[in-house]
Amino acid sequence: MLAQLSGAMFGLTAVILGAFGAHALKKKFTEDQHDSFETGVRYQFYHALALLAAGFAQTAGVIEPGAYTWLFISGTVLFSFSIYGLCLSAAFGTKWRFLGPVTPVGGLLLVAGWLSLLFAILR
């Protein structure tokens, strides 16, 4: 249930943030900021779908619940939301540089989530 709820929430916020970035922030962002923001949205959406699929697979008894759920959740928050923070803070004049190292940590958690999901499928 956690995977499905998280996937639905990430999907919902990805649509909202994607529209916000494409429309409301279009004139505020540089091209690089827009591209980075879109990367955050894209990866959030990928992992929303992965969480939904994994959650439904758990419900169907195809795979056991595993660490991949928490790794996808925490990785998405650290990866995507640090990108959003970096882009928004830079666009409004006070770049939060402390978020820079957070993004790759989130990426590593996402990789670990995929590895954990692979092991869950192989079991």
C-alpha atoms as a PDB file:
ATOM      1  CA  MET A   1       0.000   0.000   0.000  1.00  0.00           C
ATOM      2  CA  LEU A   2       2.891   2.378   0.782  1.00  0.00           C
ATOM      3  CA  ALA A   3       4.316   1.926  -2.711  1.00  0.00           C
ATOM      4  CA  GLN A   4       0.982   2.685  -4.371  1.00  0.00           C
ATOM      5  CA  LEU A   5       0.237   5.709  -2.181  1.00  0.00           C
ATOM      6  CA  SER A   6       3.725   7.100  -2.707  1.00  0.00           C
ATOM      7  CA  GLY A   7       3.543   6.454  -6.436  1.00  0.00           C
ATOM      8  CA  ALA A   8       0.213   8.249  -6.695  1.00  0.00           C
ATOM      9  CA  MET A   9       1.499  11.213  -4.659  1.00  0.00           C
ATOM     10  CA  PHE A  10       4.691  11.448  -6.705  1.00  0.00           C
ATOM     11  CA  GLY A  11       2.670  11.238  -9.931  1.00  0.00           C
ATOM     12  CA  LEU A  12       0.308  13.966  -8.771  1.00  0.00           C
ATOM     13  CA  THR A  13       3.088  16.308  -7.704  1.00  0.00           C
ATOM     14  CA  ALA A  14       5.107  15.582 -10.854  1.00  0.00           C
ATOM     15  CA  VAL A  15       2.207  16.763 -13.019  1.00  0.00           C
ATOM     16  CA  ILE A  16       1.745  19.886 -10.885  1.00  0.00           C
ATOM     17  CA  LEU A  17       5.465  20.702 -10.765  1.00  0.00           C
ATOM     18  CA  GLY A  18       5.913  19.972 -14.461  1.00  0.00           C
ATOM     19  CA  ALA A  19       3.128  22.381 -15.365  1.00  0.00           C
ATOM     20  CA  PHE A  20       4.428  24.953 -12.885  1.00  0.00           C
ATOM     21  CA  GLY A  21       7.924  24.734 -14.373  1.00  0.00           C
ATOM     22  CA  ALA A  22       6.709  24.865 -17.962  1.00  0.00           C
ATOM     23  CA  HIS A  23       4.312  27.765 -17.507  1.00  0.00           C
ATOM     24  CA  ALA A  24       4.650  29.812 -14.324  1.00  0.00           C
ATOM     25  CA  LEU A  25       8.445  29.667 -14.228  1.00  0.00           C
ATOM     26  CA  LYS A  26       9.097  29.791 -17.965  1.00  0.00           C
ATOM     27  CA  LYS A  27      10.257  33.413 -17.932  1.00  0.00           C
ATOM     28  CA  LYS A  28      12.036  33.116 -14.582  1.00  0.00           C
ATOM     29  CA  PHE A  29      14.223  30.097 -15.459  1.00  0.00           C
ATOM     30  CA  THR A  30      17.278  30.075 -17.661  1.00  0.00           C
ATOM     31  CA  GLU A  31      17.361  27.328 -20.283  1.00  0.00           C
ATOM     32  CA  ASP A  32      19.699  25.272 -18.070  1.00  0.00           C
ATOM     33  CA  GLN A  33      17.435  25.703 -15.045  1.00  0.00           C
ATOM     34  CA  HIS A  34      14.415  24.679 -17.102  1.00  0.00           C
ATOM     35  CA  ASP A  35      16.240  21.578 -18.366  1.00  0.00           C
ATOM     36  CA  SER A  36      17.341  20.643 -14.841  1.00  0.00           C
ATOM     37  CA  PHE A  37      13.855  21.177 -13.439  1.00  0.00           C
ATOM     38  CA  GLU A  38      12.447  18.952 -16.187  1.00  0.00           C
ATOM     39  CA  THR A  39      15.000  16.262 -15.302  1.00  0.00           C
ATOM     40  CA  GLY A  40      13.727  16.321 -11.723  1.00  0.00           C
ATOM     41  CA  VAL A  41      10.126  16.022 -12.919  1.00  0.00           C
ATOM     42  CA  ARG A  42      10.990  13.221 -15.349  1.00  0.00           C
ATOM     43  CA  TYR A  43      12.805  11.142 -12.732  1.00  0.00           C
ATOM     44  CA  GLN A  44      10.024  11.753 -10.226  1.00  0.00           C
ATOM     45  CA  PHE A  45       7.519  10.478 -12.775  1.00  0.00           C
ATOM     46  CA  TYR A  46       9.608   7.409 -13.623  1.00  0.00           C
ATOM     47  CA  HIS A  47       9.752   6.450  -9.982  1.00  0.00           C
ATOM     48  CA  ALA A  48       6.073   7.220  -9.416  1.00  0.00           C
ATOM     49  CA  LEU A  49       5.300   4.647 -12.091  1.00  0.00           C
ATOM     50  CA  ALA A  50       7.861   2.197 -10.687  1.00  0.00           C
ATOM     51  CA  LEU A  51       6.303   2.493  -7.222  1.00  0.00           C
ATOM     52  CA  LEU A  52       2.815   1.939  -8.621  1.00  0.00           C
ATOM     53  CA  ALA A  53       3.922  -1.110 -10.609  1.00  0.00           C
ATOM     54  CA  ALA A  54       5.821  -2.555  -7.647  1.00  0.00           C
ATOM     55  CA  GLY A  55       2.873  -1.918  -5.352  1.00  0.00           C
ATOM     56  CA  PHE A  56       0.466  -3.704  -7.665  1.00  0.00           C
ATOM     57  CA  ALA A  57       2.963  -6.556  -8.074  1.00  0.00           C
ATOM     58  CA  GLN A  58       3.112  -6.851  -4.285  1.00  0.00           C
ATOM     59  CA  THR A  59      -0.694  -6.900  -4.059  1.00  0.00           C
ATOM     60  CA  ALA A  60      -0.821  -9.630  -6.710  1.00  0.00           C
ATOM     61  CA  GLY A  61       1.757 -11.677  -4.819  1.00  0.00           C
ATOM     62  CA  VAL A  62       4.289 -11.502  -7.655  1.00  0.00           C
ATOM     63  CA  ILE A  63       7.013  -9.933  -5.477  1.00  0.00           C
ATOM     64  CA  GLU A  64       7.527  -9.417  -1.773  1.00  0.00           C
ATOM     65  CA  PRO A  65       7.616  -5.936  -0.276  1.00  0.00           C
ATOM     66  CA  GLY A  66      11.209  -4.840   0.023  1.00  0.00           C
ATOM     67  CA  ALA A  67      13.704  -2.099   0.628  1.00  0.00           C
ATOM     68  CA  TYR A  68      13.169  -0.877  -2.929  1.00  0.00           C
ATOM     69  CA  THR A  69      10.032   0.981  -1.824  1.00  0.00           C
ATOM     70  CA  TRP A  70      11.889   3.101   0.734  1.00  0.00           C
ATOM     71  CA  LEU A  71      14.884   3.481  -1.558  1.00  0.00           C
ATOM     72  CA  PHE A  72      12.668   4.794  -4.371  1.00  0.00           C
ATOM     73  CA  ILE A  73      10.828   7.139  -2.015  1.00  0.00           C
ATOM     74  CA  SER A  74      13.919   8.568  -0.332  1.00  0.00           C
ATOM     75  CA  GLY A  75      15.899   8.634  -3.576  1.00  0.00           C
ATOM     76  CA  THR A  76      13.141  10.520  -5.388  1.00  0.00           C
ATOM     77  CA  VAL A  77      12.794  13.060  -2.592  1.00  0.00           C
ATOM     78  CA  LEU A  78      16.548  13.661  -2.401  1.00  0.00           C
ATOM     79  CA  PHE A  79      17.164  13.612  -6.160  1.00  0.00           C
ATOM     80  CA  SER A  80      14.181  15.427  -7.629  1.00  0.00           C
ATOM     81  CA  PHE A  81      13.402  17.799  -4.786  1.00  0.00           C
ATOM     82  CA  SER A  82      17.024  18.893  -4.435  1.00  0.00           C
ATOM     83  CA  ILE A  83      16.975  19.767  -8.143  1.00  0.00           C
ATOM     84  CA  TYR A  84      13.762  21.737  -7.647  1.00  0.00           C
ATOM     85  CA  GLY A  85      15.329  23.572  -4.721  1.00  0.00           C
ATOM     86  CA  LEU A  86      18.498  24.353  -6.643  1.00  0.00           C
ATOM     87  CA  CYS A  87      16.588  25.658  -9.669  1.00  0.00           C
ATOM     88  CA  LEU A  88      14.046  27.680  -7.719  1.00  0.00           C
ATOM     89  CA  SER A  89      16.588  29.194  -5.346  1.00  0.00           C
ATOM     90  CA  ALA A  90      18.886  30.164  -8.239  1.00  0.00           C
ATOM     91  CA  ALA A  91      15.987  31.656 -10.196  1.00  0.00           C
ATOM     92  CA  PHE A  92      15.069  33.828  -7.228  1.00  0.00           C
ATOM     93  CA  GLY A  93      18.624  34.958  -6.503  1.00  0.00           C
ATOM     94  CA  THR A  94      19.830  32.847  -3.595  1.00  0.00           C
ATOM     95  CA  LYS A  95      21.149  29.518  -4.888  1.00  0.00           C
ATOM     96  CA  TRP A  96      21.080  26.924  -2.129  1.00  0.00           C
ATOM     97  CA  ARG A  97      24.434  25.336  -2.900  1.00  0.00           C
ATOM     98  CA  PHE A  98      24.147  22.938   0.039  1.00  0.00           C
ATOM     99  CA  LEU A  99      21.630  20.991  -2.081  1.00  0.00           C
ATOM    100  CA  GLY A 100      24.243  20.250  -4.753  1.00  0.00           C
ATOM    101  CA  PRO A 101      25.693  17.192  -2.959  1.00  0.00           C
ATOM    102  CA  VAL A 102      22.203  15.918  -2.091  1.00  0.00           C
ATOM    103  CA  THR A 103      21.274  15.205  -5.710  1.00  0.00           C
ATOM    104  CA  PRO A 104      23.857  12.454  -6.340  1.00  0.00           C
ATOM    105  CA  VAL A 105      23.017  10.822  -2.996  1.00  0.00           C
ATOM    106  CA  GLY A 106      19.418  10.641  -4.187  1.00  0.00           C
ATOM    107  CA  GLY A 107      20.610   9.177  -7.467  1.00  0.00           C
ATOM    108  CA  LEU A 108      22.564   6.476  -5.639  1.00  0.00           C
ATOM    109  CA  LEU A 109      19.484   5.608  -3.595  1.00  0.00           C
ATOM    110  CA  LEU A 110      17.493   5.269  -6.816  1.00  0.00           C
ATOM    111  CA  VAL A 111      20.128   2.922  -8.248  1.00  0.00           C
ATOM    112  CA  ALA A 112      20.035   0.909  -5.014  1.00  0.00           C
ATOM    113  CA  GLY A 113      16.245   0.790  -5.304  1.00  0.00           C
ATOM    114  CA  TRP A 114      16.433  -0.688  -8.782  1.00  0.00           C
ATOM    115  CA  LEU A 115      19.005  -3.236  -7.598  1.00  0.00           C
ATOM    116  CA  SER A 116      16.785  -4.141  -4.645  1.00  0.00           C
ATOM    117  CA  LEU A 117      13.785  -4.499  -6.973  1.00  0.00           C
ATOM    118  CA  LEU A 118      15.825  -6.742  -9.269  1.00  0.00           C
ATOM    119  CA  PHE A 119      16.673  -9.013  -6.326  1.00  0.00           C
ATOM    120  CA  ALA A 120      13.013  -9.062  -5.248  1.00  0.00           C
ATOM    121  CA  ILE A 121      11.985 -10.152  -8.746  1.00  0.00           C
ATOM    122  CA  LEU A 122      14.668 -12.851  -8.890  1.00  0.00           C
ATOM    123  CA  ARG A 123      13.503 -14.353  -5.566  1.00  0.00           C
END
